[in-house]
Amino acid sequence: MTSLLNNPEFWQYLSIPVIAALIGWITNWLAIKMTFFPLEFIGKPPLLGWQGIIPSKAEKMAAIAVDATISKIGTVREIFEQIDPKVLAAHIVHSVEPRIEEYVDEMMLREYPTFWENLPASARKMVYDRVRRSTPQLVDNLVDDIANNIEDLLDIKTMTIEKLSADKQLLNRIFLECGDAEFRFIVNSGFYFGFLFGLIQMAVWYAYQSWWVLPFFGLLVGWATNWIALNVIFRPLHAKKIGPFNIQGLFLKRQPEVAQSFCHIITHEILTVGNIIGAIMEGPKGDRARNMVKKHIKPLVDETAGMGKALTQMAFGPTGFATLKNQVGEKAIEISKTSFNNPMFQTDRARAVEAIMVERMIALSSEEFQDLLRPCFQEDEIKLILVGAFLGFSAGVCQLIFVFGGAVI
């Protein structure tokens, strides 16, 4: 035994599976890193350098993620119904009511300071009271109008894609958190599969010592460990009973867990109430949404001004009165966009949407569910395989030269 341990040739042969295991681990680790990082291109575009595959195709990958999930698990109307228009209206009233006097004073002092400062306190109080009494019904009508037209006012897919395309780190997080267990398996399996390939390589090398054996097996390890890991993750699609075991792709077996992770990110960081209202007001149909707000505000201004019609018309004139109505509408739009900054309210509504999305996502078929993670491996997969193969080949050449002295012909 001692003589065996002292034999340099023994250690040379033992190094073959160990190096193969390291090649498998390094190439798989590098493949994952190259999929997601760096977020921005490093080097000299277009060829000398690298950008993570997901960040480099952020818009396309975001669209794939949306098509694979949101488009299948919730319509715009269903999502808005889960947020609950009545709860939205109540929250707006609750947020606005304590500041009605502040809002009225701010607008009137900005537009008509002399008139407002000279108006008797009793008259100003009448305006405050009228606005306060009218606000709940006005807000209810406005939110109902938006809810009835939500499919035309809001494009969930476009909104989500724009958010993810602009925030590459968030896009990465969706894939990394949903596929965390699978990515760790890919990296670790590279070591184990590499070691097994190394044992075969060692046997071949013992029987046939040709210069190409080590580089070729290095290339094979760099390519095959990644390929095997991917197939273990996604195949078989449906559970198969083999003896006492149920065999199914690792990612597919975690469908309930992944659904929880994915839907939490989507509902708490993208489909938030604030983001949805912002998309309605600033999106492609934003003009229509803003006109809705002004339409519902107009009766309030007319009614309030009607208390002292002669006085207000004399103070503002026809043009000034029209300007006042427009300014009130603009202020209402501003309030509607800032009323949902309360973190507790946003979290509460996010949970309501999350519940139905998780339930729907768990119910997706295996074919549909795999589309969430599979594309991030398929996109430019050949590049990652070639990089792994090249690194494995290089390691095999180094092994031939530095471990075995490069003397084999």
Protein backbone atom coordinates (compact mmCIF):
# COMPACT_ATOMS: atom_id res chain seq x y z
CA MET A 1 0.00 0.00 0.00
CA THR A 2 2.84 2.35 0.91
CA SER A 3 4.59 1.63 -2.35
CA LEU A 4 1.37 2.42 -4.23
CA LEU A 5 1.03 5.77 -2.48
CA ASN A 6 4.62 6.57 -3.26
CA ASN A 7 4.15 5.76 -6.94
CA PRO A 8 3.86 9.04 -8.95
CA GLU A 9 1.89 7.24 -11.64
CA PHE A 10 -0.84 6.41 -9.09
CA TRP A 11 -1.36 10.10 -8.33
CA GLN A 12 -1.33 10.94 -12.02
CA TYR A 13 -4.17 8.52 -12.69
CA LEU A 14 -6.06 9.63 -9.58
CA SER A 15 -5.85 13.22 -10.78
CA ILE A 16 -7.91 12.39 -13.90
CA PRO A 17 -11.36 12.02 -12.22
CA VAL A 18 -10.56 14.83 -9.75
CA ILE A 19 -9.68 17.26 -12.54
CA ALA A 20 -12.73 16.10 -14.53
CA ALA A 21 -14.92 16.85 -11.48
CA LEU A 22 -13.40 20.32 -11.18
CA ILE A 23 -13.90 20.93 -14.90
CA GLY A 24 -17.57 19.92 -14.57
CA TRP A 25 -18.09 22.16 -11.54
CA ILE A 26 -16.29 25.19 -13.01
CA THR A 27 -17.95 25.02 -16.43
CA ASN A 28 -21.43 24.68 -14.92
CA TRP A 29 -20.78 27.48 -12.42
CA LEU A 30 -19.50 29.70 -15.22
CA ALA A 31 -22.51 28.86 -17.40
CA ILE A 32 -24.88 30.10 -14.68
CA LYS A 33 -22.84 33.26 -14.08
CA MET A 34 -22.66 34.01 -17.80
CA THR A 35 -26.43 33.59 -18.08
CA PHE A 36 -27.11 36.44 -15.63
CA PHE A 37 -23.99 38.59 -15.34
CA PRO A 38 -22.76 41.18 -15.95
CA LEU A 39 -25.89 43.31 -16.14
CA GLU A 40 -24.26 45.65 -18.70
CA PHE A 41 -21.84 44.83 -21.49
CA ILE A 42 -18.20 44.73 -20.38
CA GLY A 43 -15.60 44.95 -23.12
CA LYS A 44 -15.69 46.33 -26.62
CA PRO A 45 -18.98 45.67 -28.45
CA PRO A 46 -20.11 43.72 -30.27
CA LEU A 47 -17.69 40.77 -30.03
CA LEU A 48 -14.91 41.56 -27.55
CA GLY A 49 -16.67 41.24 -24.23
CA TRP A 50 -19.74 39.80 -22.60
CA GLN A 51 -23.10 40.73 -21.13
CA GLY A 52 -25.29 38.24 -19.28
CA ILE A 53 -27.67 36.47 -21.66
CA ILE A 54 -30.77 37.46 -19.68
CA PRO A 55 -29.82 41.17 -19.31
CA SER A 56 -28.65 41.39 -22.93
CA LYS A 57 -32.09 40.32 -24.11
CA ALA A 58 -34.08 41.85 -21.27
CA GLU A 59 -37.15 42.82 -23.30
CA LYS A 60 -37.39 39.44 -25.01
CA MET A 61 -36.85 37.48 -21.79
CA ALA A 62 -39.38 39.66 -19.95
CA ALA A 63 -41.92 38.98 -22.71
CA ILE A 64 -41.26 35.24 -22.45
CA ALA A 65 -41.74 35.31 -18.66
CA VAL A 66 -45.01 37.25 -19.02
CA ASP A 67 -46.34 35.00 -21.78
CA ALA A 68 -45.48 31.92 -19.76
CA THR A 69 -47.21 33.11 -16.61
CA ILE A 70 -49.24 36.32 -16.24
CA SER A 71 -50.95 35.92 -19.61
CA LYS A 72 -52.15 32.47 -18.48
CA ILE A 73 -53.02 33.05 -14.83
CA GLY A 74 -54.92 36.32 -14.71
CA THR A 75 -56.68 38.78 -16.98
CA VAL A 76 -56.53 42.54 -16.44
CA ARG A 77 -60.11 42.54 -15.18
CA GLU A 78 -59.49 39.66 -12.75
CA ILE A 79 -56.40 41.33 -11.32
CA PHE A 80 -58.24 44.65 -10.88
CA GLU A 81 -61.18 42.86 -9.26
CA GLN A 82 -58.83 41.22 -6.77
CA ILE A 83 -57.40 44.62 -5.91
CA ASP A 84 -61.10 45.51 -5.35
CA PRO A 85 -62.35 48.87 -6.69
CA LYS A 86 -64.42 49.48 -3.55
CA VAL A 87 -61.33 49.12 -1.37
CA LEU A 88 -59.44 51.47 -3.69
CA ALA A 89 -62.19 54.08 -3.48
CA ALA A 90 -62.34 53.83 0.32
CA HIS A 91 -58.56 54.20 0.53
CA ILE A 92 -58.57 57.32 -1.66
CA VAL A 93 -61.32 58.93 0.45
CA HIS A 94 -59.49 57.97 3.65
CA SER A 95 -56.26 59.51 2.30
CA VAL A 96 -57.83 62.68 0.92
CA GLU A 97 -60.43 63.58 3.55
CA PRO A 98 -58.04 64.85 6.26
CA ARG A 99 -56.27 67.10 3.72
CA ILE A 100 -59.23 68.58 1.83
CA GLU A 101 -58.74 72.07 3.28
CA GLU A 102 -55.02 71.88 2.49
CA TYR A 103 -55.70 70.84 -1.13
CA VAL A 104 -58.33 73.54 -1.68
CA ASP A 105 -56.17 76.26 -0.12
CA GLU A 106 -53.10 75.17 -2.09
CA MET A 107 -54.90 75.33 -5.43
CA MET A 108 -56.83 78.55 -4.81
CA LEU A 109 -53.82 80.40 -3.40
CA ARG A 110 -51.77 79.35 -6.40
CA GLU A 111 -54.36 80.34 -9.01
CA TYR A 112 -56.43 83.10 -7.36
CA PRO A 113 -54.64 84.25 -4.19
CA THR A 114 -56.32 87.67 -3.87
CA PHE A 115 -59.84 86.31 -4.30
CA TRP A 116 -59.29 83.43 -1.87
CA GLU A 117 -57.61 85.51 0.84
CA ASN A 118 -60.39 88.12 0.74
CA LEU A 119 -63.17 85.53 0.80
CA PRO A 120 -64.89 85.43 4.22
CA ALA A 121 -63.96 82.49 6.40
CA SER A 122 -67.60 81.32 6.44
CA ALA A 123 -67.64 81.18 2.64
CA ARG A 124 -64.41 79.20 2.54
CA LYS A 125 -65.83 76.79 5.12
CA MET A 126 -68.86 76.25 2.88
CA VAL A 127 -66.49 75.28 0.04
CA TYR A 128 -64.56 72.89 2.30
CA ASP A 129 -67.78 71.25 3.54
CA ARG A 130 -69.20 70.91 0.03
CA VAL A 131 -66.03 69.25 -1.25
CA ARG A 132 -65.86 66.97 1.79
CA ARG A 133 -69.48 65.81 1.37
CA SER A 134 -69.15 65.25 -2.38
CA THR A 135 -65.82 63.44 -2.38
CA PRO A 136 -66.95 59.86 -1.43
CA GLN A 137 -69.59 59.63 -4.18
CA LEU A 138 -67.32 61.32 -6.69
CA VAL A 139 -64.49 58.85 -5.98
CA ASP A 140 -66.87 55.85 -6.12
CA ASN A 141 -68.14 56.95 -9.54
CA LEU A 142 -64.62 57.54 -10.84
CA VAL A 143 -63.25 54.18 -9.67
CA ASP A 144 -66.31 52.35 -11.06
CA ASP A 145 -65.78 54.07 -14.41
CA ILE A 146 -62.14 53.02 -14.48
CA ALA A 147 -63.05 49.45 -13.44
CA ASN A 148 -65.63 49.21 -16.25
CA ASN A 149 -63.03 50.32 -18.80
CA ILE A 150 -59.95 48.69 -17.28
CA GLU A 151 -59.23 46.37 -20.21
CA ASP A 152 -58.94 49.35 -22.52
CA LEU A 153 -57.04 51.56 -20.08
CA LEU A 154 -54.40 49.08 -18.88
CA ASP A 155 -52.11 46.72 -20.77
CA ILE A 156 -50.67 44.44 -18.07
CA LYS A 157 -48.28 42.70 -20.46
CA THR A 158 -46.74 45.91 -21.79
CA MET A 159 -46.53 47.40 -18.31
CA THR A 160 -44.73 44.34 -16.90
CA ILE A 161 -42.34 44.05 -19.83
CA GLU A 162 -41.41 47.74 -19.54
CA LYS A 163 -40.77 47.41 -15.80
CA LEU A 164 -38.59 44.31 -16.20
CA SER A 165 -36.73 45.64 -19.24
CA ALA A 166 -35.84 48.80 -17.32
CA ASP A 167 -34.78 46.89 -14.20
CA LYS A 168 -32.44 44.08 -15.30
CA GLN A 169 -31.58 43.24 -11.71
CA LEU A 170 -35.26 42.55 -10.95
CA LEU A 171 -35.55 40.46 -14.11
CA ASN A 172 -32.54 38.41 -12.99
CA ARG A 173 -34.07 37.99 -9.54
CA ILE A 174 -37.23 36.43 -10.95
CA PHE A 175 -35.26 33.69 -12.67
CA LEU A 176 -32.65 33.31 -9.91
CA GLU A 177 -35.18 33.04 -7.07
CA CYS A 178 -37.58 30.79 -8.97
CA GLY A 179 -34.75 28.51 -10.13
CA ASP A 180 -32.51 28.76 -7.06
CA ALA A 181 -32.57 25.03 -6.26
CA GLU A 182 -32.09 24.11 -9.92
CA PHE A 183 -29.12 26.43 -10.38
CA ARG A 184 -27.43 25.02 -7.30
CA PHE A 185 -28.08 21.50 -8.62
CA ILE A 186 -26.54 22.39 -11.99
CA VAL A 187 -23.34 23.67 -10.36
CA ASN A 188 -22.99 20.79 -7.87
CA SER A 189 -23.97 18.11 -10.39
CA GLY A 190 -21.13 19.31 -12.60
CA PHE A 191 -18.73 18.02 -9.94
CA TYR A 192 -20.44 14.62 -9.55
CA PHE A 193 -21.06 13.98 -13.24
CA GLY A 194 -17.58 15.22 -14.02
CA PHE A 195 -16.10 12.75 -11.54
CA LEU A 196 -18.04 9.86 -13.12
CA PHE A 197 -16.87 10.89 -16.60
CA GLY A 198 -13.37 11.12 -15.14
CA LEU A 199 -13.48 7.49 -14.02
CA ILE A 200 -14.36 6.48 -17.59
CA GLN A 201 -11.63 8.79 -18.87
CA MET A 202 -9.13 7.17 -16.49
CA ALA A 203 -10.01 3.69 -17.74
CA VAL A 204 -9.70 4.78 -21.37
CA TRP A 205 -6.39 6.49 -20.66
CA TYR A 206 -5.05 3.38 -18.95
CA ALA A 207 -5.94 1.23 -22.00
CA TYR A 208 -5.17 3.75 -24.73
CA GLN A 209 -2.74 6.60 -24.07
CA SER A 210 -3.07 8.85 -27.09
CA TRP A 211 -2.52 12.63 -27.10
CA TRP A 212 -6.19 13.38 -27.91
CA VAL A 213 -7.80 11.34 -25.11
CA LEU A 214 -7.43 13.90 -22.29
CA PRO A 215 -8.41 16.99 -24.35
CA PHE A 216 -11.35 15.12 -25.89
CA PHE A 217 -12.69 13.95 -22.53
CA GLY A 218 -12.18 17.43 -21.11
CA LEU A 219 -14.31 18.80 -23.95
CA LEU A 220 -16.89 16.06 -23.34
CA VAL A 221 -17.09 16.82 -19.63
CA GLY A 222 -17.49 20.57 -20.27
CA TRP A 223 -20.38 19.91 -22.66
CA ALA A 224 -22.09 16.84 -21.22
CA THR A 225 -22.35 17.83 -17.54
CA ASN A 226 -24.42 20.89 -18.50
CA TRP A 227 -26.59 18.91 -20.91
CA ILE A 228 -27.29 16.14 -18.39
CA ALA A 229 -28.14 18.63 -15.62
CA LEU A 230 -30.65 20.44 -17.84
CA ASN A 231 -32.38 17.21 -18.71
CA VAL A 232 -32.58 16.15 -15.08
CA ILE A 233 -34.22 19.50 -14.26
CA PHE A 234 -36.88 19.42 -16.97
CA ARG A 235 -37.34 15.74 -17.80
CA PRO A 236 -39.49 13.82 -17.49
CA LEU A 237 -42.28 16.37 -17.80
CA HIS A 238 -44.79 14.19 -15.96
CA ALA A 239 -44.16 12.06 -12.89
CA LYS A 240 -43.29 8.44 -13.70
CA LYS A 241 -43.32 5.68 -11.14
CA ILE A 242 -40.23 3.50 -11.30
CA GLY A 243 -40.34 0.94 -8.53
CA PRO A 244 -40.94 2.79 -5.25
CA PHE A 245 -39.83 6.13 -6.72
CA ASN A 246 -41.73 8.91 -8.49
CA ILE A 247 -39.41 10.41 -11.09
CA GLN A 248 -40.01 13.89 -12.52
CA GLY A 249 -37.94 16.91 -13.56
CA LEU A 250 -36.65 18.70 -10.45
CA PHE A 251 -38.09 22.09 -11.45
CA LEU A 252 -41.48 20.60 -12.24
CA LYS A 253 -41.67 18.87 -8.85
CA ARG A 254 -41.31 22.27 -7.17
CA GLN A 255 -44.25 23.89 -8.99
CA PRO A 256 -46.13 25.03 -5.84
CA GLU A 257 -42.95 26.46 -4.29
CA VAL A 258 -41.90 28.24 -7.49
CA ALA A 259 -45.42 29.64 -7.95
CA GLN A 260 -45.24 31.21 -4.49
CA SER A 261 -41.85 32.78 -5.19
CA PHE A 262 -42.72 34.09 -8.67
CA CYS A 263 -46.13 35.49 -7.76
CA HIS A 264 -44.77 37.21 -4.67
CA ILE A 265 -42.21 39.15 -6.72
CA ILE A 266 -44.71 40.00 -9.47
CA THR A 267 -47.45 41.23 -7.14
CA HIS A 268 -45.28 43.01 -4.57
CA GLU A 269 -42.82 44.68 -6.93
CA ILE A 270 -44.47 45.01 -10.35
CA LEU A 271 -48.27 44.71 -10.24
CA THR A 272 -48.56 47.00 -7.23
CA VAL A 273 -51.52 49.35 -6.90
CA GLY A 274 -49.23 52.36 -7.34
CA ASN A 275 -47.67 50.94 -10.51
CA ILE A 276 -51.06 49.99 -11.94
CA ILE A 277 -52.59 53.42 -11.32
CA GLY A 278 -49.43 55.03 -12.71
CA ALA A 279 -49.65 52.85 -15.84
CA ILE A 280 -53.31 53.79 -16.28
CA MET A 281 -52.61 57.52 -16.00
CA GLU A 282 -49.32 57.59 -17.91
CA GLY A 283 -49.74 54.67 -20.32
CA PRO A 284 -50.86 54.67 -23.96
CA LYS A 285 -54.46 55.40 -22.88
CA GLY A 286 -53.42 57.93 -20.26
CA ASP A 287 -55.21 60.82 -21.98
CA ARG A 288 -58.49 58.95 -21.78
CA ALA A 289 -57.94 58.10 -18.10
CA ARG A 290 -57.11 61.71 -17.24
CA ASN A 291 -60.19 62.92 -19.09
CA MET A 292 -62.25 60.48 -17.01
CA VAL A 293 -60.92 62.08 -13.84
CA LYS A 294 -61.73 65.58 -15.11
CA LYS A 295 -65.20 64.47 -16.23
CA HIS A 296 -66.04 63.26 -12.72
CA ILE A 297 -64.50 66.33 -11.07
CA LYS A 298 -66.43 68.83 -13.23
CA PRO A 299 -69.81 68.46 -11.45
CA LEU A 300 -68.12 69.10 -8.09
CA VAL A 301 -66.61 72.37 -9.32
CA ASP A 302 -69.90 73.46 -10.94
CA GLU A 303 -71.88 72.62 -7.82
CA THR A 304 -69.43 74.31 -5.45
CA ALA A 305 -69.22 77.44 -7.60
CA GLY A 306 -73.02 77.46 -7.83
CA MET A 307 -73.20 78.50 -4.18
CA GLY A 308 -71.90 81.90 -5.19
CA LYS A 309 -72.20 81.81 -8.94
CA ALA A 310 -72.35 85.55 -9.49
CA LEU A 311 -69.38 86.11 -7.23
CA THR A 312 -67.20 83.40 -8.78
CA GLN A 313 -67.98 84.38 -12.36
CA MET A 314 -67.23 88.00 -11.54
CA ALA A 315 -63.97 87.03 -9.81
CA PHE A 316 -62.70 84.58 -12.42
CA GLY A 317 -64.49 85.44 -15.63
CA PRO A 318 -65.59 82.70 -18.07
CA THR A 319 -62.01 81.83 -19.07
CA GLY A 320 -60.77 81.83 -15.52
CA PHE A 321 -63.61 79.58 -14.39
CA ALA A 322 -62.75 77.05 -17.12
CA THR A 323 -59.11 77.22 -16.02
CA LEU A 324 -60.18 76.58 -12.43
CA LYS A 325 -62.07 73.42 -13.44
CA ASN A 326 -59.04 72.18 -15.36
CA GLN A 327 -56.72 72.88 -12.43
CA VAL A 328 -59.03 71.01 -10.06
CA GLY A 329 -58.94 68.07 -12.49
CA GLU A 330 -55.14 68.15 -12.66
CA LYS A 331 -54.95 68.22 -8.88
CA ALA A 332 -57.30 65.22 -8.69
CA ILE A 333 -55.05 63.32 -11.13
CA GLU A 334 -52.00 64.13 -8.99
CA ILE A 335 -53.80 62.93 -5.86
CA SER A 336 -54.94 59.73 -7.58
CA LYS A 337 -51.33 58.87 -8.43
CA THR A 338 -49.94 59.61 -4.96
CA SER A 339 -52.69 58.15 -2.79
CA PHE A 340 -51.27 54.63 -2.99
CA ASN A 341 -47.79 55.21 -1.61
CA ASN A 342 -48.80 53.66 1.71
CA PRO A 343 -46.65 50.48 2.00
CA MET A 344 -49.17 48.68 4.22
CA PHE A 345 -52.02 49.28 1.76
CA GLN A 346 -49.88 48.20 -1.20
CA THR A 347 -48.83 45.03 0.61
CA ASP A 348 -52.41 44.22 1.58
CA ARG A 349 -53.65 44.56 -2.02
CA ALA A 350 -50.61 42.66 -3.35
CA ARG A 351 -51.49 39.70 -1.13
CA ALA A 352 -55.04 39.68 -2.48
CA VAL A 353 -53.76 39.46 -6.07
CA GLU A 354 -51.00 37.02 -5.11
CA ALA A 355 -53.48 34.50 -3.72
CA ILE A 356 -55.38 34.01 -6.97
CA MET A 357 -52.20 34.09 -9.11
CA VAL A 358 -50.52 31.36 -7.03
CA GLU A 359 -53.61 29.16 -7.27
CA ARG A 360 -53.75 29.59 -11.05
CA MET A 361 -50.01 29.05 -11.51
CA ILE A 362 -50.05 25.81 -9.51
CA ALA A 363 -52.82 24.62 -11.82
CA LEU A 364 -50.72 25.13 -14.99
CA SER A 365 -49.78 21.99 -16.89
CA SER A 366 -46.16 20.82 -16.75
CA GLU A 367 -45.74 21.85 -20.40
CA GLU A 368 -46.89 25.39 -19.59
CA PHE A 369 -45.03 25.64 -16.29
CA GLN A 370 -41.61 24.68 -17.67
CA ASP A 371 -41.81 27.70 -20.01
CA LEU A 372 -41.06 29.97 -17.04
CA LEU A 373 -37.48 28.76 -16.55
CA ARG A 374 -36.59 26.74 -19.64
CA PRO A 375 -36.13 29.76 -21.97
CA CYS A 376 -33.38 31.25 -19.82
CA PHE A 377 -31.29 28.12 -20.58
CA GLN A 378 -32.36 27.82 -24.20
CA GLU A 379 -31.49 31.40 -25.12
CA ASP A 380 -27.97 31.32 -26.58
CA GLU A 381 -27.49 27.90 -24.95
CA ILE A 382 -25.03 26.94 -27.67
CA LYS A 383 -22.69 29.74 -26.56
CA LEU A 384 -22.60 28.42 -23.01
CA ILE A 385 -22.02 24.86 -24.22
CA LEU A 386 -19.18 25.99 -26.48
CA VAL A 387 -17.55 27.97 -23.65
CA GLY A 388 -17.82 24.91 -21.38
CA ALA A 389 -16.44 22.66 -24.10
CA PHE A 390 -13.55 25.05 -24.76
CA LEU A 391 -12.65 25.26 -21.06
CA GLY A 392 -12.84 21.47 -20.74
CA PHE A 393 -10.65 21.02 -23.82
CA SER A 394 -8.10 23.54 -22.47
CA ALA A 395 -8.03 21.77 -19.10
CA GLY A 396 -7.43 18.46 -20.89
CA VAL A 397 -4.51 19.95 -22.82
CA CYS A 398 -3.04 21.35 -19.60
CA GLN A 399 -3.48 17.98 -17.94
CA LEU A 400 -1.68 16.27 -20.81
CA ILE A 401 1.23 18.72 -20.67
CA PHE A 402 1.66 19.37 -16.97
CA VAL A 403 0.49 16.11 -15.37
CA PHE A 404 1.64 13.57 -17.92
CA GLY A 405 4.49 15.58 -19.36
CA GLY A 406 3.07 15.80 -22.89
CA ALA A 407 5.21 12.85 -23.94
CA VAL A 408 2.38 10.72 -25.26
CA ILE A 409 2.16 10.53 -29.08
